[in-house]
Amino acid sequence: MRKFANCVPVFKKQLAKNVKSFKELFYILNKKNVFFGIFPEGELNKKAGFKKFKKGAAYFSYKTKLPIIPIYMHNTN
């Protein structure tokens, strides 16, 4: 299912595992015409407001030379 949906896992506690995930993600973003969603806070936020943004989204945009298109999701629960 993960391959079918172009999902790439991110491991918060096992950072070394992310090398393979990030390489796979760069391949998907550079070779396929797909959209990619990332929560810039590093996780889902179930409370009102924002948490501090992580660097991941900017890093992927820089490395793949793809634009960031911000989207705000409100009352999605």
N, C-alpha and C. Protein backbone atom coordinates (compact mmCIF):
# COMPACT_ATOMS: atom_id res chain seq x y z
N MET A 1 0.83 -1.19 0.00
CA MET A 1 0.00 0.00 0.00
C MET A 1 0.88 1.26 0.00
N ARG A 2 1.97 1.23 0.74
CA ARG A 2 2.84 2.40 0.83
C ARG A 2 3.38 2.79 -0.54
N LYS A 3 3.82 1.82 -1.32
CA LYS A 3 4.35 2.10 -2.67
C LYS A 3 3.26 2.64 -3.58
N PHE A 4 2.07 2.07 -3.48
CA PHE A 4 0.95 2.48 -4.33
C PHE A 4 0.59 3.94 -4.08
N ALA A 5 0.61 4.36 -2.83
CA ALA A 5 0.20 5.72 -2.48
C ALA A 5 1.36 6.70 -2.45
N ASN A 6 2.57 6.24 -2.81
CA ASN A 6 3.76 7.09 -2.75
C ASN A 6 3.99 7.67 -1.35
N CYS A 7 3.75 6.85 -0.34
CA CYS A 7 4.01 7.25 1.04
C CYS A 7 5.44 6.91 1.42
N VAL A 8 6.08 7.79 2.11
CA VAL A 8 7.45 7.58 2.55
C VAL A 8 7.49 7.75 4.06
N PRO A 9 7.92 6.73 4.80
CA PRO A 9 7.93 6.84 6.26
C PRO A 9 9.06 7.75 6.75
N VAL A 10 8.80 8.41 7.86
CA VAL A 10 9.81 9.21 8.54
C VAL A 10 9.89 8.68 9.97
N PHE A 11 11.09 8.40 10.41
CA PHE A 11 11.30 7.81 11.72
C PHE A 11 11.88 8.85 12.68
N LYS A 12 11.09 9.25 13.66
CA LYS A 12 11.53 10.28 14.60
C LYS A 12 12.61 9.80 15.56
N LYS A 13 12.53 8.54 15.96
CA LYS A 13 13.45 8.03 16.97
C LYS A 13 14.62 7.25 16.38
N GLN A 14 14.54 6.91 15.10
CA GLN A 14 15.61 6.16 14.44
C GLN A 14 16.05 6.93 13.19
N LEU A 15 16.74 8.02 13.41
CA LEU A 15 17.06 8.96 12.34
C LEU A 15 17.88 8.33 11.21
N ALA A 16 18.70 7.36 11.50
CA ALA A 16 19.51 6.71 10.46
C ALA A 16 18.63 6.03 9.41
N LYS A 17 17.45 5.57 9.80
CA LYS A 17 16.53 4.93 8.86
C LYS A 17 15.99 5.92 7.83
N ASN A 18 16.04 7.20 8.14
CA ASN A 18 15.48 8.21 7.24
C ASN A 18 16.30 8.42 5.98
N VAL A 19 17.55 8.01 5.95
CA VAL A 19 18.38 8.19 4.76
C VAL A 19 17.73 7.50 3.57
N LYS A 20 17.31 6.27 3.74
CA LYS A 20 16.64 5.53 2.66
C LYS A 20 15.32 6.20 2.29
N SER A 21 14.55 6.61 3.29
CA SER A 21 13.27 7.27 3.04
C SER A 21 13.46 8.55 2.25
N PHE A 22 14.46 9.36 2.62
CA PHE A 22 14.67 10.63 1.93
C PHE A 22 15.14 10.42 0.50
N LYS A 23 16.00 9.43 0.28
CA LYS A 23 16.42 9.12 -1.10
C LYS A 23 15.22 8.72 -1.94
N GLU A 24 14.34 7.90 -1.37
CA GLU A 24 13.13 7.48 -2.08
C GLU A 24 12.23 8.68 -2.36
N LEU A 25 12.11 9.57 -1.39
CA LEU A 25 11.29 10.76 -1.55
C LEU A 25 11.85 11.67 -2.64
N PHE A 26 13.17 11.90 -2.66
CA PHE A 26 13.77 12.72 -3.71
C PHE A 26 13.51 12.11 -5.09
N TYR A 27 13.59 10.80 -5.19
CA TYR A 27 13.32 10.13 -6.47
C TYR A 27 11.87 10.38 -6.89
N ILE A 28 10.94 10.18 -5.98
CA ILE A 28 9.52 10.38 -6.30
C ILE A 28 9.27 11.81 -6.75
N LEU A 29 9.82 12.78 -6.03
CA LEU A 29 9.57 14.18 -6.35
C LEU A 29 10.22 14.61 -7.66
N ASN A 30 11.37 14.05 -7.98
CA ASN A 30 12.08 14.45 -9.20
C ASN A 30 11.62 13.70 -10.45
N LYS A 31 11.11 12.49 -10.31
CA LYS A 31 10.80 11.66 -11.47
C LYS A 31 9.31 11.54 -11.79
N LYS A 32 8.48 11.85 -10.84
CA LYS A 32 7.04 11.67 -11.05
C LYS A 32 6.33 13.01 -10.89
N ASN A 33 5.22 13.15 -11.56
CA ASN A 33 4.42 14.36 -11.47
C ASN A 33 3.41 14.19 -10.33
N VAL A 34 3.86 14.45 -9.11
CA VAL A 34 3.02 14.22 -7.94
C VAL A 34 3.03 15.45 -7.04
N PHE A 35 2.02 15.50 -6.19
CA PHE A 35 1.98 16.48 -5.12
C PHE A 35 2.53 15.81 -3.87
N PHE A 36 3.06 16.61 -2.98
CA PHE A 36 3.66 16.07 -1.76
C PHE A 36 3.18 16.91 -0.59
N GLY A 37 2.67 16.26 0.42
CA GLY A 37 2.22 16.97 1.62
C GLY A 37 3.18 16.72 2.77
N ILE A 38 3.49 17.77 3.48
CA ILE A 38 4.33 17.64 4.67
C ILE A 38 3.80 18.60 5.73
N PHE A 39 3.79 18.13 6.95
CA PHE A 39 3.40 19.00 8.04
C PHE A 39 4.67 19.68 8.55
N PRO A 40 4.81 21.00 8.33
CA PRO A 40 6.06 21.69 8.66
C PRO A 40 6.37 21.70 10.15
N GLU A 41 5.38 21.37 10.98
CA GLU A 41 5.63 21.30 12.41
C GLU A 41 6.26 19.96 12.80
N GLY A 42 6.35 19.03 11.84
CA GLY A 42 6.96 17.74 12.10
C GLY A 42 5.99 16.69 12.59
N GLU A 43 4.74 17.08 12.78
CA GLU A 43 3.71 16.15 13.26
C GLU A 43 2.35 16.79 13.11
N LEU A 44 1.32 16.00 13.27
CA LEU A 44 -0.03 16.56 13.27
C LEU A 44 -0.22 17.36 14.54
N ASN A 45 -0.88 18.49 14.43
CA ASN A 45 -1.16 19.32 15.59
C ASN A 45 -2.66 19.33 15.80
N LYS A 46 -3.12 18.71 16.87
CA LYS A 46 -4.55 18.59 17.12
C LYS A 46 -5.10 19.76 17.93
N LYS A 47 -4.24 20.70 18.30
CA LYS A 47 -4.67 21.87 19.06
C LYS A 47 -4.69 23.09 18.15
N ALA A 48 -5.39 24.13 18.60
CA ALA A 48 -5.44 25.37 17.83
C ALA A 48 -4.06 26.03 17.81
N GLY A 49 -3.77 26.72 16.74
CA GLY A 49 -2.50 27.43 16.63
C GLY A 49 -1.43 26.59 15.96
N PHE A 50 -0.24 27.13 15.93
CA PHE A 50 0.88 26.48 15.27
C PHE A 50 1.97 26.13 16.27
N LYS A 51 2.67 25.05 15.98
CA LYS A 51 3.90 24.74 16.69
C LYS A 51 5.05 25.32 15.86
N LYS A 52 6.24 25.30 16.42
CA LYS A 52 7.42 25.79 15.69
C LYS A 52 7.67 24.91 14.47
N PHE A 53 7.90 25.52 13.32
CA PHE A 53 8.16 24.77 12.09
C PHE A 53 9.55 24.14 12.13
N LYS A 54 9.66 22.97 11.54
CA LYS A 54 10.95 22.28 11.37
C LYS A 54 11.53 22.68 10.02
N LYS A 55 12.76 22.27 9.73
CA LYS A 55 13.45 22.65 8.50
C LYS A 55 13.16 21.74 7.32
N GLY A 56 12.48 20.62 7.53
CA GLY A 56 12.32 19.59 6.50
C GLY A 56 11.72 20.07 5.19
N ALA A 57 10.63 20.82 5.24
CA ALA A 57 9.96 21.26 4.01
C ALA A 57 10.88 22.15 3.18
N ALA A 58 11.56 23.08 3.83
CA ALA A 58 12.48 23.96 3.10
C ALA A 58 13.65 23.16 2.53
N TYR A 59 14.12 22.17 3.26
CA TYR A 59 15.23 21.34 2.79
C TYR A 59 14.84 20.57 1.54
N PHE A 60 13.65 19.96 1.54
CA PHE A 60 13.19 19.22 0.36
C PHE A 60 13.01 20.14 -0.83
N SER A 61 12.47 21.32 -0.60
CA SER A 61 12.28 22.28 -1.68
C SER A 61 13.63 22.69 -2.27
N TYR A 62 14.59 22.96 -1.43
CA TYR A 62 15.93 23.36 -1.88
C TYR A 62 16.61 22.24 -2.67
N LYS A 63 16.58 21.02 -2.15
CA LYS A 63 17.27 19.89 -2.78
C LYS A 63 16.62 19.48 -4.10
N THR A 64 15.30 19.57 -4.20
CA THR A 64 14.60 19.13 -5.41
C THR A 64 14.31 20.27 -6.37
N LYS A 65 14.56 21.51 -5.93
CA LYS A 65 14.27 22.70 -6.72
C LYS A 65 12.79 22.80 -7.09
N LEU A 66 11.94 22.32 -6.19
CA LEU A 66 10.49 22.39 -6.38
C LEU A 66 9.92 23.45 -5.46
N PRO A 67 8.85 24.14 -5.90
CA PRO A 67 8.27 25.20 -5.07
C PRO A 67 7.48 24.65 -3.89
N ILE A 68 7.34 25.48 -2.89
CA ILE A 68 6.47 25.18 -1.75
C ILE A 68 5.17 25.94 -1.97
N ILE A 69 4.06 25.24 -1.89
CA ILE A 69 2.75 25.87 -2.02
C ILE A 69 2.05 25.69 -0.67
N PRO A 70 1.99 26.75 0.15
CA PRO A 70 1.38 26.61 1.47
C PRO A 70 -0.13 26.34 1.38
N ILE A 71 -0.59 25.46 2.22
CA ILE A 71 -2.01 25.14 2.32
C ILE A 71 -2.37 25.14 3.79
N TYR A 72 -3.46 25.78 4.14
CA TYR A 72 -3.92 25.83 5.53
C TYR A 72 -5.13 24.92 5.67
N MET A 73 -5.08 24.01 6.62
CA MET A 73 -6.22 23.11 6.87
C MET A 73 -6.83 23.51 8.21
N HIS A 74 -8.13 23.75 8.22
CA HIS A 74 -8.82 24.22 9.42
C HIS A 74 -9.99 23.31 9.73
N ASN A 75 -10.16 22.96 10.98
CA ASN A 75 -11.26 22.09 11.43
C ASN A 75 -11.33 20.81 10.62
N THR A 76 -10.25 20.07 10.59
CA THR A 76 -10.21 18.83 9.81
C THR A 76 -10.52 17.60 10.65
N ASN A 77 -10.83 17.77 11.93
CA ASN A 77 -11.09 16.59 12.75
C ASN A 77 -12.49 16.12 12.67
